[in-house]
Amino acid sequence: MNLAFLVRDRRNTADPNAVAVVREDFRKVGYLSEAQARTLAPILDGLESLQVSCRVDGSRLWLDLPAPAELRKALKRRVTAYSLA
């Protein structure tokens, strides 16, 4: 299993919710679909990036994306724990 990062691309004029997929070597390999980006962009707006696991199959990159609801819960717990520290 490899790692990839989801990074908001606010300079993308074609999609205001664009989320780039960046490999471990910092090479941008593509973007999430518009539907996925529309869901995840508001969550990622408060983060620098989100690390996800992935696998490479020939020229395809398969991402293990977290469910948005679970991601929101995890981030809320993280922010709450950080605030209490």
C-alpha atoms as a PDB file:
ATOM      1  CA  MET A   1       0.000   0.000   0.000  1.00  0.00           C
ATOM      2  CA  ASN A   2       1.273   3.458  -0.902  1.00  0.00           C
ATOM      3  CA  LEU A   3       0.349   6.901   0.337  1.00  0.00           C
ATOM      4  CA  ALA A   4      -1.154   9.858  -1.477  1.00  0.00           C
ATOM      5  CA  PHE A   5      -2.291  13.274  -0.315  1.00  0.00           C
ATOM      6  CA  LEU A   6      -5.478  15.157  -1.094  1.00  0.00           C
ATOM      7  CA  VAL A   7      -4.742  18.861  -1.439  1.00  0.00           C
ATOM      8  CA  ARG A   8      -7.164  21.690  -2.204  1.00  0.00           C
ATOM      9  CA  ASP A   9      -6.219  23.419  -5.465  1.00  0.00           C
ATOM     10  CA  ARG A  10      -7.718  26.875  -5.099  1.00  0.00           C
ATOM     11  CA  ARG A  11      -5.960  28.092  -8.267  1.00  0.00           C
ATOM     12  CA  ASN A  12      -7.934  25.701 -10.461  1.00  0.00           C
ATOM     13  CA  THR A  13     -10.176  27.972 -12.519  1.00  0.00           C
ATOM     14  CA  ALA A  14     -12.158  25.063 -13.984  1.00  0.00           C
ATOM     15  CA  ASP A  15     -13.439  23.840 -10.606  1.00  0.00           C
ATOM     16  CA  PRO A  16     -13.690  26.023  -7.480  1.00  0.00           C
ATOM     17  CA  ASN A  17     -13.804  22.838  -5.339  1.00  0.00           C
ATOM     18  CA  ALA A  18     -10.816  21.164  -7.005  1.00  0.00           C
ATOM     19  CA  VAL A  19      -8.930  18.599  -4.921  1.00  0.00           C
ATOM     20  CA  ALA A  20      -5.594  17.444  -6.320  1.00  0.00           C
ATOM     21  CA  VAL A  21      -4.147  13.992  -5.709  1.00  0.00           C
ATOM     22  CA  VAL A  22      -0.432  14.184  -4.935  1.00  0.00           C
ATOM     23  CA  ARG A  23       1.873  11.176  -4.582  1.00  0.00           C
ATOM     24  CA  GLU A  24       4.471  10.694  -1.851  1.00  0.00           C
ATOM     25  CA  ASP A  25       7.124  12.125  -4.186  1.00  0.00           C
ATOM     26  CA  PHE A  26       5.036  15.365  -4.370  1.00  0.00           C
ATOM     27  CA  ARG A  27       4.036  14.741  -7.991  1.00  0.00           C
ATOM     28  CA  LYS A  28       0.455  15.755  -8.798  1.00  0.00           C
ATOM     29  CA  VAL A  29      -1.163  12.804 -10.535  1.00  0.00           C
ATOM     30  CA  GLY A  30      -4.707  14.068 -10.994  1.00  0.00           C
ATOM     31  CA  TYR A  31      -7.858  15.347  -9.377  1.00  0.00           C
ATOM     32  CA  LEU A  32     -10.866  13.906  -7.624  1.00  0.00           C
ATOM     33  CA  SER A  33     -14.077  13.927  -9.628  1.00  0.00           C
ATOM     34  CA  GLU A  34     -16.216  17.059  -9.343  1.00  0.00           C
ATOM     35  CA  ALA A  35     -18.758  15.200  -7.192  1.00  0.00           C
ATOM     36  CA  GLN A  36     -16.101  13.887  -4.787  1.00  0.00           C
ATOM     37  CA  ALA A  37     -14.398  17.279  -4.639  1.00  0.00           C
ATOM     38  CA  ARG A  38     -17.683  19.062  -3.925  1.00  0.00           C
ATOM     39  CA  THR A  39     -18.167  16.813  -0.888  1.00  0.00           C
ATOM     40  CA  LEU A  40     -14.585  16.807   0.420  1.00  0.00           C
ATOM     41  CA  ALA A  41     -13.489  20.387  -0.375  1.00  0.00           C
ATOM     42  CA  PRO A  42     -15.280  22.009   2.591  1.00  0.00           C
ATOM     43  CA  ILE A  43     -13.702  19.439   4.910  1.00  0.00           C
ATOM     44  CA  LEU A  44     -10.232  19.959   3.425  1.00  0.00           C
ATOM     45  CA  ASP A  45     -10.491  23.756   3.561  1.00  0.00           C
ATOM     46  CA  GLY A  46      -9.334  23.695   7.184  1.00  0.00           C
ATOM     47  CA  LEU A  47      -6.442  21.324   6.500  1.00  0.00           C
ATOM     48  CA  GLU A  48      -3.162  21.613   4.664  1.00  0.00           C
ATOM     49  CA  SER A  49      -3.674  18.149   3.171  1.00  0.00           C
ATOM     50  CA  LEU A  50      -5.170  14.761   3.970  1.00  0.00           C
ATOM     51  CA  GLN A  51      -3.108  11.591   3.758  1.00  0.00           C
ATOM     52  CA  VAL A  52      -4.893   8.582   2.250  1.00  0.00           C
ATOM     53  CA  SER A  53      -3.752   5.107   1.337  1.00  0.00           C
ATOM     54  CA  CYS A  54      -3.682   4.075  -2.288  1.00  0.00           C
ATOM     55  CA  ARG A  55      -2.495   1.367  -4.605  1.00  0.00           C
ATOM     56  CA  VAL A  56      -1.019   1.555  -8.059  1.00  0.00           C
ATOM     57  CA  ASP A  57      -2.263  -0.837 -10.728  1.00  0.00           C
ATOM     58  CA  GLY A  58      -0.347  -0.182 -13.928  1.00  0.00           C
ATOM     59  CA  SER A  59      -1.179   3.385 -14.876  1.00  0.00           C
ATOM     60  CA  ARG A  60      -4.133   3.617 -12.452  1.00  0.00           C
ATOM     61  CA  LEU A  61      -4.061   4.976  -8.928  1.00  0.00           C
ATOM     62  CA  TRP A  62      -6.777   3.657  -6.590  1.00  0.00           C
ATOM     63  CA  LEU A  63      -7.507   5.809  -3.527  1.00  0.00           C
ATOM     64  CA  ASP A  64      -9.022   4.643  -0.262  1.00  0.00           C
ATOM     65  CA  LEU A  65     -11.155   7.714   0.434  1.00  0.00           C
ATOM     66  CA  PRO A  66     -12.684   8.117   3.868  1.00  0.00           C
ATOM     67  CA  ALA A  67     -16.439   8.475   4.119  1.00  0.00           C
ATOM     68  CA  PRO A  68     -17.149  12.224   4.503  1.00  0.00           C
ATOM     69  CA  ALA A  69     -19.300  11.722   7.614  1.00  0.00           C
ATOM     70  CA  GLU A  70     -16.577   9.667   9.322  1.00  0.00           C
ATOM     71  CA  LEU A  71     -13.933  12.196   8.316  1.00  0.00           C
ATOM     72  CA  ARG A  72     -15.983  15.060   9.800  1.00  0.00           C
ATOM     73  CA  LYS A  73     -16.369  13.111  13.079  1.00  0.00           C
ATOM     74  CA  ALA A  74     -12.642  12.346  13.261  1.00  0.00           C
ATOM     75  CA  LEU A  75     -11.689  15.963  12.612  1.00  0.00           C
ATOM     76  CA  LYS A  76     -14.186  17.196  15.192  1.00  0.00           C
ATOM     77  CA  ARG A  77     -12.709  14.812  17.800  1.00  0.00           C
ATOM     78  CA  ARG A  78      -9.207  15.971  16.859  1.00  0.00           C
ATOM     79  CA  VAL A  79     -10.104  19.657  17.190  1.00  0.00           C
ATOM     80  CA  THR A  80     -11.868  19.036  20.508  1.00  0.00           C
ATOM     81  CA  ALA A  81      -8.897  17.087  21.888  1.00  0.00           C
ATOM     82  CA  TYR A  82      -6.504  19.804  20.715  1.00  0.00           C
ATOM     83  CA  SER A  83      -8.655  22.505  22.342  1.00  0.00           C
ATOM     84  CA  LEU A  84      -8.667  20.642  25.665  1.00  0.00           C
ATOM     85  CA  ALA A  85      -4.886  20.163  25.702  1.00  0.00           C
END
